[in-house]
Amino acid sequence: MSTRPESVEEVLLGGGRVWTRRDVAARAGVRFERAVQVWRALGFPAVDDDARVFTDADVEALRAGERLIAAGLITEHSETMMARALGHHLSRLADWQVDTLRDWMSGDEGATPDRDVLLEHMAALLPEIERVQRYVWRRHLVAYAGHLLSEGREEEAGPGAHVRDRAVGFTDMVGYTRMTRGLDGAELVDVLDRFETMTGDVVAEGRGQVVKTIGDEVLFVCESAAGAADIGLELAARAQADPKLPQVRTGLALGPVIGRFGDVYGAAVNIAARLTAVARPASVLVDTALAGELAGRAAYALKPLRPVSVRGYSRLRPVLLRRGRSAS
């Protein structure tokens, strides 16, 4: 008898579509309205009440959420926010993985892969993909847990949120919109790959953390003003040294930052973004708070600039950051 998988659901979820959303809620012991709320928060499309689109995996996922609530680790409110964050980040990962699988299956011919062959390959590769994802997730978990244990309890700002003083940086490519008009798809992807690789490498080497990349812009955070300054200066230097990349500009700010479900918020984030918008190519602008932390250090040269009026700030005071004479 053939054991060939019949559907994507059988491959990825371990079973076919057999339940309606009311069935799922009843079997998981969750209020129907609550099940719908979690489904929407995860970013999944709306379905009719009588549509049989759910599997046993959906039932077990709802049960797992209820067990976390019963253990006191999360509340119904924070479960919804957690579901929204997971849905946002993992949908992007899934989109990229399917594109990767499509490219691999098509090869150089650009042919559409046979459905049965595709399902067999998905079934074979899924354990390997899960193994890599689990490894990366656990390594990140170790890093964040280590910080929690070494630094102690942070100031809370609501469910799933904390406040800590951090340096925030925005870096974007100068003239990106104009540049994209003259590039075909493959050339544009190459530029984006080089930009993301360069920024990721520099931020990691500077012991910072990339929060997210949005098109031609990257948002990162760092524990110290000096670390952020070194990252900003190195980004400008490496972009200038790469003939295939446009110049970049960076804005840095220091202050209380709210961390919430993998994203960051607060005045420092807004100020860093505004400084980036007014920075000149290959330059790094910092706010007065971050400049104060760097003042007197021979590795940095600081030049206060004229106040500027930007959205949300009528007199924002940029400070131009350069390497000091003693810096290599």
C-alpha atoms as a PDB file:
ATOM      1  CA  MET A   1       0.000   0.000   0.000  1.00  0.00           C
ATOM      2  CA  SER A   2       1.308   3.474  -0.908  1.00  0.00           C
ATOM      3  CA  THR A   3       2.250   5.792   1.965  1.00  0.00           C
ATOM      4  CA  ARG A   4       2.590   8.787  -0.320  1.00  0.00           C
ATOM      5  CA  PRO A   5       1.144  11.913   1.390  1.00  0.00           C
ATOM      6  CA  GLU A   6      -2.083  13.163  -0.170  1.00  0.00           C
ATOM      7  CA  SER A   7      -2.055  16.802   0.963  1.00  0.00           C
ATOM      8  CA  VAL A   8       0.063  19.584   2.427  1.00  0.00           C
ATOM      9  CA  GLU A   9      -1.893  19.238   5.679  1.00  0.00           C
ATOM     10  CA  GLU A  10      -0.917  15.584   6.007  1.00  0.00           C
ATOM     11  CA  VAL A  11       2.737  16.469   5.499  1.00  0.00           C
ATOM     12  CA  LEU A  12       2.975  19.541   7.707  1.00  0.00           C
ATOM     13  CA  LEU A  13       0.214  19.039  10.287  1.00  0.00           C
ATOM     14  CA  GLY A  14       0.078  15.273  10.550  1.00  0.00           C
ATOM     15  CA  GLY A  15      -3.508  14.945   9.329  1.00  0.00           C
ATOM     16  CA  GLY A  16      -6.122  16.161   6.896  1.00  0.00           C
ATOM     17  CA  ARG A  17      -8.805  18.826   7.289  1.00  0.00           C
ATOM     18  CA  VAL A  18     -11.582  17.233   9.315  1.00  0.00           C
ATOM     19  CA  TRP A  19     -12.878  19.794  11.851  1.00  0.00           C
ATOM     20  CA  THR A  20     -14.912  22.999  11.754  1.00  0.00           C
ATOM     21  CA  ARG A  21     -13.814  25.824  14.015  1.00  0.00           C
ATOM     22  CA  ARG A  22     -16.655  25.027  16.417  1.00  0.00           C
ATOM     23  CA  ASP A  23     -15.431  21.418  16.509  1.00  0.00           C
ATOM     24  CA  VAL A  24     -11.916  22.590  17.319  1.00  0.00           C
ATOM     25  CA  ALA A  25     -13.059  24.860  20.138  1.00  0.00           C
ATOM     26  CA  ALA A  26     -15.240  22.138  21.651  1.00  0.00           C
ATOM     27  CA  ARG A  27     -12.549  19.449  21.476  1.00  0.00           C
ATOM     28  CA  ALA A  28      -9.941  21.796  22.976  1.00  0.00           C
ATOM     29  CA  GLY A  29     -12.288  22.940  25.735  1.00  0.00           C
ATOM     30  CA  VAL A  30     -11.973  26.581  24.690  1.00  0.00           C
ATOM     31  CA  ARG A  31     -14.772  29.105  24.271  1.00  0.00           C
ATOM     32  CA  PHE A  32     -15.689  29.467  20.616  1.00  0.00           C
ATOM     33  CA  GLU A  33     -15.167  33.243  20.676  1.00  0.00           C
ATOM     34  CA  ARG A  34     -11.777  32.732  22.266  1.00  0.00           C
ATOM     35  CA  ALA A  35     -10.720  30.222  19.597  1.00  0.00           C
ATOM     36  CA  VAL A  36     -11.726  32.670  16.847  1.00  0.00           C
ATOM     37  CA  GLN A  37      -9.757  35.456  18.562  1.00  0.00           C
ATOM     38  CA  VAL A  38      -6.578  33.360  18.716  1.00  0.00           C
ATOM     39  CA  TRP A  39      -7.006  32.232  15.084  1.00  0.00           C
ATOM     40  CA  ARG A  40      -7.289  35.839  13.924  1.00  0.00           C
ATOM     41  CA  ALA A  41      -4.342  36.933  16.071  1.00  0.00           C
ATOM     42  CA  LEU A  42      -2.179  34.294  14.405  1.00  0.00           C
ATOM     43  CA  GLY A  43      -2.926  35.973  11.070  1.00  0.00           C
ATOM     44  CA  PHE A  44      -4.812  33.071   9.515  1.00  0.00           C
ATOM     45  CA  PRO A  45      -7.631  33.829   7.035  1.00  0.00           C
ATOM     46  CA  ALA A  46     -11.252  33.924   8.181  1.00  0.00           C
ATOM     47  CA  VAL A  47     -13.284  30.783   7.512  1.00  0.00           C
ATOM     48  CA  ASP A  48     -16.991  29.941   7.586  1.00  0.00           C
ATOM     49  CA  ASP A  49     -18.366  28.192  10.655  1.00  0.00           C
ATOM     50  CA  ASP A  50     -19.251  25.057   8.677  1.00  0.00           C
ATOM     51  CA  ALA A  51     -15.985  24.843   6.705  1.00  0.00           C
ATOM     52  CA  ARG A  52     -13.919  21.758   7.591  1.00  0.00           C
ATOM     53  CA  VAL A  53     -10.440  23.246   7.345  1.00  0.00           C
ATOM     54  CA  PHE A  54      -8.929  22.332  10.716  1.00  0.00           C
ATOM     55  CA  THR A  55      -6.839  19.366  11.828  1.00  0.00           C
ATOM     56  CA  ASP A  56      -5.966  17.628  15.068  1.00  0.00           C
ATOM     57  CA  ALA A  57      -2.895  19.894  15.249  1.00  0.00           C
ATOM     58  CA  ASP A  58      -5.191  22.920  15.592  1.00  0.00           C
ATOM     59  CA  VAL A  59      -6.942  21.254  18.517  1.00  0.00           C
ATOM     60  CA  GLU A  60      -3.654  20.479  20.253  1.00  0.00           C
ATOM     61  CA  ALA A  61      -2.337  24.027  19.727  1.00  0.00           C
ATOM     62  CA  LEU A  62      -5.395  25.482  21.474  1.00  0.00           C
ATOM     63  CA  ARG A  63      -4.991  22.979  24.305  1.00  0.00           C
ATOM     64  CA  ALA A  64      -1.341  23.970  24.702  1.00  0.00           C
ATOM     65  CA  GLY A  65      -2.343  27.619  25.053  1.00  0.00           C
ATOM     66  CA  GLU A  66      -4.868  26.695  27.730  1.00  0.00           C
ATOM     67  CA  ARG A  67      -2.204  24.749  29.625  1.00  0.00           C
ATOM     68  CA  LEU A  68       0.078  27.805  29.643  1.00  0.00           C
ATOM     69  CA  ILE A  69      -2.793  29.924  30.977  1.00  0.00           C
ATOM     70  CA  ALA A  70      -3.625  27.325  33.632  1.00  0.00           C
ATOM     71  CA  ALA A  71       0.032  27.277  34.718  1.00  0.00           C
ATOM     72  CA  GLY A  72      -0.088  31.043  35.240  1.00  0.00           C
ATOM     73  CA  LEU A  73       2.667  31.730  32.715  1.00  0.00           C
ATOM     74  CA  ILE A  74       0.401  33.812  30.471  1.00  0.00           C
ATOM     75  CA  THR A  75      -3.099  35.304  30.568  1.00  0.00           C
ATOM     76  CA  GLU A  76      -5.771  35.233  27.889  1.00  0.00           C
ATOM     77  CA  HIS A  77      -4.780  38.794  26.976  1.00  0.00           C
ATOM     78  CA  SER A  78      -1.077  38.058  26.713  1.00  0.00           C
ATOM     79  CA  GLU A  79      -1.820  34.838  24.792  1.00  0.00           C
ATOM     80  CA  THR A  80      -3.492  36.931  22.106  1.00  0.00           C
ATOM     81  CA  MET A  81      -0.507  39.280  21.901  1.00  0.00           C
ATOM     82  CA  MET A  82       1.896  36.330  21.829  1.00  0.00           C
ATOM     83  CA  ALA A  83      -0.148  34.740  19.038  1.00  0.00           C
ATOM     84  CA  ARG A  84      -0.040  37.983  17.061  1.00  0.00           C
ATOM     85  CA  ALA A  85       3.760  38.229  17.413  1.00  0.00           C
ATOM     86  CA  LEU A  86       4.268  34.570  16.491  1.00  0.00           C
ATOM     87  CA  GLY A  87       1.973  34.853  13.493  1.00  0.00           C
ATOM     88  CA  HIS A  88       3.718  37.972  12.214  1.00  0.00           C
ATOM     89  CA  HIS A  89       7.260  36.617  12.432  1.00  0.00           C
ATOM     90  CA  LEU A  90       6.629  33.006  11.465  1.00  0.00           C
ATOM     91  CA  SER A  91       4.464  33.861   8.450  1.00  0.00           C
ATOM     92  CA  ARG A  92       7.443  35.710   6.966  1.00  0.00           C
ATOM     93  CA  LEU A  93       9.684  32.734   7.697  1.00  0.00           C
ATOM     94  CA  ALA A  94       7.212  30.338   6.074  1.00  0.00           C
ATOM     95  CA  ASP A  95       6.879  32.572   3.001  1.00  0.00           C
ATOM     96  CA  TRP A  96      10.648  32.604   2.538  1.00  0.00           C
ATOM     97  CA  GLN A  97      10.930  28.841   3.060  1.00  0.00           C
ATOM     98  CA  VAL A  98       8.268  28.060   0.453  1.00  0.00           C
ATOM     99  CA  ASP A  99       9.999  30.389  -2.019  1.00  0.00           C
ATOM    100  CA  THR A 100      13.262  28.591  -1.309  1.00  0.00           C
ATOM    101  CA  LEU A 101      11.608  25.221  -1.856  1.00  0.00           C
ATOM    102  CA  ARG A 102      10.048  26.432  -5.111  1.00  0.00           C
ATOM    103  CA  ASP A 103      13.397  27.677  -6.423  1.00  0.00           C
ATOM    104  CA  TRP A 104      15.099  24.429  -5.469  1.00  0.00           C
ATOM    105  CA  MET A 105      12.425  22.273  -7.076  1.00  0.00           C
ATOM    106  CA  SER A 106      12.307  24.354 -10.264  1.00  0.00           C
ATOM    107  CA  GLY A 107      16.069  24.368 -10.768  1.00  0.00           C
ATOM    108  CA  ASP A 108      17.417  26.200 -13.774  1.00  0.00           C
ATOM    109  CA  GLU A 109      14.558  25.141 -16.011  1.00  0.00           C
ATOM    110  CA  GLY A 110      11.920  27.243 -14.253  1.00  0.00           C
ATOM    111  CA  ALA A 111       9.449  24.343 -14.543  1.00  0.00           C
ATOM    112  CA  THR A 112       6.587  23.872 -12.121  1.00  0.00           C
ATOM    113  CA  PRO A 113       7.337  20.893  -9.851  1.00  0.00           C
ATOM    114  CA  ASP A 114       5.069  17.864  -9.907  1.00  0.00           C
ATOM    115  CA  ARG A 115       2.657  17.967  -6.954  1.00  0.00           C
ATOM    116  CA  ASP A 116       3.405  14.465  -5.664  1.00  0.00           C
ATOM    117  CA  VAL A 117       7.144  14.986  -5.964  1.00  0.00           C
ATOM    118  CA  LEU A 118       6.863  18.283  -4.105  1.00  0.00           C
ATOM    119  CA  LEU A 119       4.906  16.681  -1.256  1.00  0.00           C
ATOM    120  CA  GLU A 120       7.444  13.860  -0.947  1.00  0.00           C
ATOM    121  CA  HIS A 121      10.314  16.323  -0.775  1.00  0.00           C
ATOM    122  CA  MET A 122       8.471  18.404   1.832  1.00  0.00           C
ATOM    123  CA  ALA A 123       7.905  15.303   3.958  1.00  0.00           C
ATOM    124  CA  ALA A 124      11.581  14.380   3.715  1.00  0.00           C
ATOM    125  CA  LEU A 125      12.958  17.849   4.450  1.00  0.00           C
ATOM    126  CA  LEU A 126      10.535  18.941   7.174  1.00  0.00           C
ATOM    127  CA  PRO A 127      12.435  17.216  10.033  1.00  0.00           C
ATOM    128  CA  GLU A 128      15.679  18.884   8.939  1.00  0.00           C
ATOM    129  CA  ILE A 129      14.052  22.318   8.757  1.00  0.00           C
ATOM    130  CA  GLU A 130      12.485  21.826  12.194  1.00  0.00           C
ATOM    131  CA  ARG A 131      15.843  20.730  13.609  1.00  0.00           C
ATOM    132  CA  VAL A 132      17.572  23.899  12.378  1.00  0.00           C
ATOM    133  CA  GLN A 133      14.750  26.157  13.559  1.00  0.00           C
ATOM    134  CA  ARG A 134      14.707  24.524  16.990  1.00  0.00           C
ATOM    135  CA  TYR A 135      18.468  24.948  17.300  1.00  0.00           C
ATOM    136  CA  VAL A 136      18.376  28.664  16.365  1.00  0.00           C
ATOM    137  CA  TRP A 137      15.433  29.321  18.670  1.00  0.00           C
ATOM    138  CA  ARG A 138      17.100  27.605  21.614  1.00  0.00           C
ATOM    139  CA  ARG A 139      20.371  29.495  21.079  1.00  0.00           C
ATOM    140  CA  HIS A 140      18.497  32.790  21.098  1.00  0.00           C
ATOM    141  CA  LEU A 141      16.569  31.632  24.161  1.00  0.00           C
ATOM    142  CA  VAL A 142      19.853  30.905  25.954  1.00  0.00           C
ATOM    143  CA  ALA A 143      21.148  34.395  25.130  1.00  0.00           C
ATOM    144  CA  TYR A 144      18.038  36.175  26.398  1.00  0.00           C
ATOM    145  CA  ALA A 145      17.703  33.944  29.464  1.00  0.00           C
ATOM    146  CA  GLY A 146      21.347  34.580  30.313  1.00  0.00           C
ATOM    147  CA  HIS A 147      20.733  38.316  30.184  1.00  0.00           C
ATOM    148  CA  LEU A 148      17.695  37.956  32.441  1.00  0.00           C
ATOM    149  CA  LEU A 149      19.622  35.953  35.027  1.00  0.00           C
ATOM    150  CA  SER A 150      22.668  38.242  35.014  1.00  0.00           C
ATOM    151  CA  GLU A 151      20.881  41.595  34.987  1.00  0.00           C
ATOM    152  CA  GLY A 152      17.956  40.780  37.248  1.00  0.00           C
ATOM    153  CA  ARG A 153      14.383  41.906  36.868  1.00  0.00           C
ATOM    154  CA  GLU A 154      13.673  44.713  34.428  1.00  0.00           C
ATOM    155  CA  GLU A 155      11.007  47.356  34.760  1.00  0.00           C
ATOM    156  CA  GLU A 156       7.735  45.960  33.437  1.00  0.00           C
ATOM    157  CA  ALA A 157       5.544  47.881  31.005  1.00  0.00           C
ATOM    158  CA  GLY A 158       2.588  45.535  30.716  1.00  0.00           C
ATOM    159  CA  PRO A 159       2.190  41.914  29.570  1.00  0.00           C
ATOM    160  CA  GLY A 160       5.118  40.779  27.450  1.00  0.00           C
ATOM    161  CA  ALA A 161       6.852  44.173  27.698  1.00  0.00           C
ATOM    162  CA  HIS A 162       9.846  45.531  29.605  1.00  0.00           C
ATOM    163  CA  VAL A 163      11.755  48.806  29.795  1.00  0.00           C
ATOM    164  CA  ARG A 164      15.526  49.164  29.712  1.00  0.00           C
ATOM    165  CA  ASP A 165      17.948  51.934  28.785  1.00  0.00           C
ATOM    166  CA  ARG A 166      19.436  51.081  25.400  1.00  0.00           C
ATOM    167  CA  ALA A 167      21.046  52.680  22.401  1.00  0.00           C
ATOM    168  CA  VAL A 168      18.894  52.502  19.269  1.00  0.00           C
ATOM    169  CA  GLY A 169      20.077  52.840  15.686  1.00  0.00           C
ATOM    170  CA  PHE A 170      18.479  53.185  12.275  1.00  0.00           C
ATOM    171  CA  THR A 171      20.530  52.760   9.109  1.00  0.00           C
ATOM    172  CA  ASP A 172      19.236  53.138   5.577  1.00  0.00           C
ATOM    173  CA  MET A 173      20.596  53.181   2.045  1.00  0.00           C
ATOM    174  CA  VAL A 174      20.866  56.628   0.482  1.00  0.00           C
ATOM    175  CA  GLY A 175      19.036  57.039  -2.820  1.00  0.00           C
ATOM    176  CA  TYR A 176      17.456  53.585  -2.611  1.00  0.00           C
ATOM    177  CA  THR A 177      14.217  54.545  -4.388  1.00  0.00           C
ATOM    178  CA  ARG A 178      16.068  56.193  -7.264  1.00  0.00           C
ATOM    179  CA  MET A 179      18.491  53.282  -7.520  1.00  0.00           C
ATOM    180  CA  THR A 180      15.740  50.671  -7.770  1.00  0.00           C
ATOM    181  CA  ARG A 181      14.352  52.260 -10.941  1.00  0.00           C
ATOM    182  CA  GLY A 182      17.436  51.184 -12.884  1.00  0.00           C
ATOM    183  CA  LEU A 183      17.737  47.624 -11.543  1.00  0.00           C
ATOM    184  CA  ASP A 184      16.025  44.436 -12.604  1.00  0.00           C
ATOM    185  CA  GLY A 185      14.693  41.979 -10.038  1.00  0.00           C
ATOM    186  CA  ALA A 186      17.875  39.915  -9.687  1.00  0.00           C
ATOM    187  CA  GLU A 187      20.070  43.009  -9.334  1.00  0.00           C
ATOM    188  CA  LEU A 188      17.781  44.475  -6.671  1.00  0.00           C
ATOM    189  CA  VAL A 189      17.791  41.227  -4.701  1.00  0.00           C
ATOM    190  CA  ASP A 190      21.602  41.218  -4.851  1.00  0.00           C
ATOM    191  CA  VAL A 191      21.765  44.745  -3.401  1.00  0.00           C
ATOM    192  CA  LEU A 192      19.327  43.864  -0.618  1.00  0.00           C
ATOM    193  CA  ASP A 193      21.286  40.694   0.184  1.00  0.00           C
ATOM    194  CA  ARG A 194      24.551  42.622   0.374  1.00  0.00           C
ATOM    195  CA  PHE A 195      22.961  45.308   2.564  1.00  0.00           C
ATOM    196  CA  GLU A 196      21.382  42.807   4.957  1.00  0.00           C
ATOM    197  CA  THR A 197      24.594  40.771   5.151  1.00  0.00           C
ATOM    198  CA  MET A 198      26.731  43.847   5.784  1.00  0.00           C
ATOM    199  CA  THR A 199      24.442  45.297   8.460  1.00  0.00           C
ATOM    200  CA  GLY A 200      23.912  41.919  10.106  1.00  0.00           C
ATOM    201  CA  ASP A 201      27.646  41.250  10.292  1.00  0.00           C
ATOM    202  CA  VAL A 202      28.517  44.695  11.652  1.00  0.00           C
ATOM    203  CA  VAL A 203      25.764  44.695  14.274  1.00  0.00           C
ATOM    204  CA  ALA A 204      26.702  41.185  15.435  1.00  0.00           C
ATOM    205  CA  GLU A 205      30.411  42.059  15.604  1.00  0.00           C
ATOM    206  CA  GLY A 206      29.504  45.112  17.692  1.00  0.00           C
ATOM    207  CA  ARG A 207      27.478  42.944  20.097  1.00  0.00           C
ATOM    208  CA  GLY A 208      24.234  44.577  19.053  1.00  0.00           C
ATOM    209  CA  GLN A 209      20.979  43.033  17.916  1.00  0.00           C
ATOM    210  CA  VAL A 210      19.108  43.552  14.665  1.00  0.00           C
ATOM    211  CA  VAL A 211      15.458  44.098  15.569  1.00  0.00           C
ATOM    212  CA  LYS A 212      14.132  44.115  12.017  1.00  0.00           C
ATOM    213  CA  THR A 213      14.906  44.983   8.427  1.00  0.00           C
ATOM    214  CA  ILE A 214      12.326  46.884   6.394  1.00  0.00           C
ATOM    215  CA  GLY A 215      13.317  47.214   2.757  1.00  0.00           C
ATOM    216  CA  ASP A 216      16.261  49.597   2.652  1.00  0.00           C
ATOM    217  CA  GLU A 217      16.397  50.193   6.407  1.00  0.00           C
ATOM    218  CA  VAL A 218      17.606  48.249   9.424  1.00  0.00           C
ATOM    219  CA  LEU A 219      16.719  48.878  13.070  1.00  0.00           C
ATOM    220  CA  PHE A 220      19.152  47.691  15.728  1.00  0.00           C
ATOM    221  CA  VAL A 221      19.733  48.070  19.456  1.00  0.00           C
ATOM    222  CA  CYS A 222      22.850  47.942  21.598  1.00  0.00           C
ATOM    223  CA  GLU A 223      23.514  47.838  25.330  1.00  0.00           C
ATOM    224  CA  SER A 224      25.986  50.737  25.323  1.00  0.00           C
ATOM    225  CA  ALA A 225      26.381  54.105  23.639  1.00  0.00           C
ATOM    226  CA  ALA A 226      29.956  53.284  22.616  1.00  0.00           C
ATOM    227  CA  GLY A 227      28.882  49.982  21.075  1.00  0.00           C
ATOM    228  CA  ALA A 228      26.191  51.698  19.013  1.00  0.00           C
ATOM    229  CA  ALA A 229      28.621  54.421  17.950  1.00  0.00           C
ATOM    230  CA  ASP A 230      31.156  51.860  16.747  1.00  0.00           C
ATOM    231  CA  ILE A 231      28.433  50.034  14.806  1.00  0.00           C
ATOM    232  CA  GLY A 232      27.231  53.231  13.133  1.00  0.00           C
ATOM    233  CA  LEU A 233      30.712  54.299  12.101  1.00  0.00           C
ATOM    234  CA  GLU A 234      31.617  50.841  10.822  1.00  0.00           C
ATOM    235  CA  LEU A 235      28.419  50.618   8.775  1.00  0.00           C
ATOM    236  CA  ALA A 236      29.303  53.852   6.994  1.00  0.00           C
ATOM    237  CA  ALA A 237      32.877  52.678   6.347  1.00  0.00           C
ATOM    238  CA  ARG A 238      31.935  49.270   4.952  1.00  0.00           C
ATOM    239  CA  ALA A 239      29.207  50.643   2.701  1.00  0.00           C
ATOM    240  CA  GLN A 240      31.672  53.148   1.243  1.00  0.00           C
ATOM    241  CA  ALA A 241      34.176  50.358   0.638  1.00  0.00           C
ATOM    242  CA  ASP A 242      31.656  48.235  -1.282  1.00  0.00           C
ATOM    243  CA  PRO A 243      31.223  49.502  -4.867  1.00  0.00           C
ATOM    244  CA  LYS A 244      28.008  47.493  -5.224  1.00  0.00           C
ATOM    245  CA  LEU A 245      26.316  49.227  -2.298  1.00  0.00           C
ATOM    246  CA  PRO A 246      25.059  52.806  -2.085  1.00  0.00           C
ATOM    247  CA  GLN A 247      26.182  54.917   0.840  1.00  0.00           C
ATOM    248  CA  VAL A 248      24.300  54.569   4.102  1.00  0.00           C
ATOM    249  CA  ARG A 249      23.363  57.008   6.837  1.00  0.00           C
ATOM    250  CA  THR A 250      22.685  56.281  10.486  1.00  0.00           C
ATOM    251  CA  GLY A 251      20.836  57.877  13.378  1.00  0.00           C
ATOM    252  CA  LEU A 252      21.514  56.869  16.992  1.00  0.00           C
ATOM    253  CA  ALA A 253      19.680  57.727  20.208  1.00  0.00           C
ATOM    254  CA  LEU A 254      19.916  56.657  23.838  1.00  0.00           C
ATOM    255  CA  GLY A 255      17.159  56.282  26.394  1.00  0.00           C
ATOM    256  CA  PRO A 256      14.458  54.057  27.895  1.00  0.00           C
ATOM    257  CA  VAL A 257      13.274  51.531  25.320  1.00  0.00           C
ATOM    258  CA  ILE A 258      10.187  49.370  25.596  1.00  0.00           C
ATOM    259  CA  GLY A 259      10.822  45.850  24.349  1.00  0.00           C
ATOM    260  CA  ARG A 260       7.609  44.081  23.367  1.00  0.00           C
ATOM    261  CA  PHE A 261       7.292  40.759  21.559  1.00  0.00           C
ATOM    262  CA  GLY A 262      10.506  41.202  19.605  1.00  0.00           C
ATOM    263  CA  ASP A 263       9.983  44.857  18.675  1.00  0.00           C
ATOM    264  CA  VAL A 264      11.075  48.095  20.357  1.00  0.00           C
ATOM    265  CA  TYR A 265       9.253  51.336  21.078  1.00  0.00           C
ATOM    266  CA  GLY A 266       9.844  54.656  22.783  1.00  0.00           C
ATOM    267  CA  ALA A 267      11.205  58.157  22.281  1.00  0.00           C
ATOM    268  CA  ALA A 268      14.731  56.891  21.569  1.00  0.00           C
ATOM    269  CA  VAL A 269      13.409  54.789  18.675  1.00  0.00           C
ATOM    270  CA  ASN A 270      11.543  57.773  17.217  1.00  0.00           C
ATOM    271  CA  ILE A 271      14.515  60.111  17.607  1.00  0.00           C
ATOM    272  CA  ALA A 272      16.915  57.657  15.944  1.00  0.00           C
ATOM    273  CA  ALA A 273      14.533  57.408  12.982  1.00  0.00           C
ATOM    274  CA  ARG A 274      14.242  61.208  12.688  1.00  0.00           C
ATOM    275  CA  LEU A 275      18.024  61.640  12.849  1.00  0.00           C
ATOM    276  CA  THR A 276      18.486  59.094  10.078  1.00  0.00           C
ATOM    277  CA  ALA A 277      16.063  61.009   7.875  1.00  0.00           C
ATOM    278  CA  VAL A 278      18.099  64.250   8.149  1.00  0.00           C
ATOM    279  CA  ALA A 279      21.567  62.670   8.088  1.00  0.00           C
ATOM    280  CA  ARG A 280      23.790  63.161   5.061  1.00  0.00           C
ATOM    281  CA  PRO A 281      25.243  60.233   3.089  1.00  0.00           C
ATOM    282  CA  ALA A 282      27.988  58.315   4.939  1.00  0.00           C
ATOM    283  CA  SER A 283      27.308  60.241   8.150  1.00  0.00           C
ATOM    284  CA  VAL A 284      26.226  59.256  11.649  1.00  0.00           C
ATOM    285  CA  LEU A 285      24.031  61.572  13.711  1.00  0.00           C
ATOM    286  CA  VAL A 286      23.407  61.004  17.430  1.00  0.00           C
ATOM    287  CA  ASP A 287      21.140  62.667  19.960  1.00  0.00           C
ATOM    288  CA  THR A 288      22.431  64.719  22.884  1.00  0.00           C
ATOM    289  CA  ALA A 289      21.904  61.880  25.371  1.00  0.00           C
ATOM    290  CA  LEU A 290      24.123  59.489  23.439  1.00  0.00           C
ATOM    291  CA  ALA A 291      26.639  62.252  22.706  1.00  0.00           C
ATOM    292  CA  GLY A 292      26.893  62.913  26.437  1.00  0.00           C
ATOM    293  CA  GLU A 293      27.932  59.297  27.019  1.00  0.00           C
ATOM    294  CA  LEU A 294      30.675  59.604  24.386  1.00  0.00           C
ATOM    295  CA  ALA A 295      31.964  63.037  25.400  1.00  0.00           C
ATOM    296  CA  GLY A 296      35.595  63.049  26.467  1.00  0.00           C
ATOM    297  CA  ARG A 297      36.462  59.754  24.789  1.00  0.00           C
ATOM    298  CA  ALA A 298      39.383  60.051  22.405  1.00  0.00           C
ATOM    299  CA  ALA A 299      37.912  57.419  20.082  1.00  0.00           C
ATOM    300  CA  TYR A 300      35.087  59.760  19.039  1.00  0.00           C
ATOM    301  CA  ALA A 301      34.780  63.272  17.659  1.00  0.00           C
ATOM    302  CA  LEU A 302      31.491  65.087  18.274  1.00  0.00           C
ATOM    303  CA  LYS A 303      30.212  68.195  16.507  1.00  0.00           C
ATOM    304  CA  PRO A 304      26.884  69.721  17.607  1.00  0.00           C
ATOM    305  CA  LEU A 305      24.784  70.834  14.641  1.00  0.00           C
ATOM    306  CA  ARG A 306      22.021  73.374  14.233  1.00  0.00           C
ATOM    307  CA  PRO A 307      18.630  72.287  15.679  1.00  0.00           C
ATOM    308  CA  VAL A 308      16.223  70.844  13.121  1.00  0.00           C
ATOM    309  CA  SER A 309      12.456  70.630  12.972  1.00  0.00           C
ATOM    310  CA  VAL A 310      11.173  67.121  12.246  1.00  0.00           C
ATOM    311  CA  ARG A 311       7.912  65.296  12.749  1.00  0.00           C
ATOM    312  CA  GLY A 312       7.182  65.199  16.476  1.00  0.00           C
ATOM    313  CA  TYR A 313      10.191  67.331  17.450  1.00  0.00           C
ATOM    314  CA  SER A 314      10.323  71.083  16.755  1.00  0.00           C
ATOM    315  CA  ARG A 315      13.946  71.544  17.884  1.00  0.00           C
ATOM    316  CA  LEU A 316      15.812  68.275  17.637  1.00  0.00           C
ATOM    317  CA  ARG A 317      19.532  68.790  18.291  1.00  0.00           C
ATOM    318  CA  PRO A 318      21.666  66.462  16.147  1.00  0.00           C
ATOM    319  CA  VAL A 319      25.303  65.806  16.943  1.00  0.00           C
ATOM    320  CA  LEU A 320      27.608  64.664  14.140  1.00  0.00           C
ATOM    321  CA  LEU A 321      29.698  61.647  15.154  1.00  0.00           C
ATOM    322  CA  ARG A 322      33.087  60.872  13.614  1.00  0.00           C
ATOM    323  CA  ARG A 323      36.009  58.712  14.601  1.00  0.00           C
ATOM    324  CA  GLY A 324      38.509  60.402  16.891  1.00  0.00           C
ATOM    325  CA  ARG A 325      42.129  60.854  15.954  1.00  0.00           C
ATOM    326  CA  SER A 326      43.156  58.027  18.277  1.00  0.00           C
ATOM    327  CA  ALA A 327      40.765  55.550  16.647  1.00  0.00           C
ATOM    328  CA  SER A 328      42.236  53.083  14.216  1.00  0.00           C
END
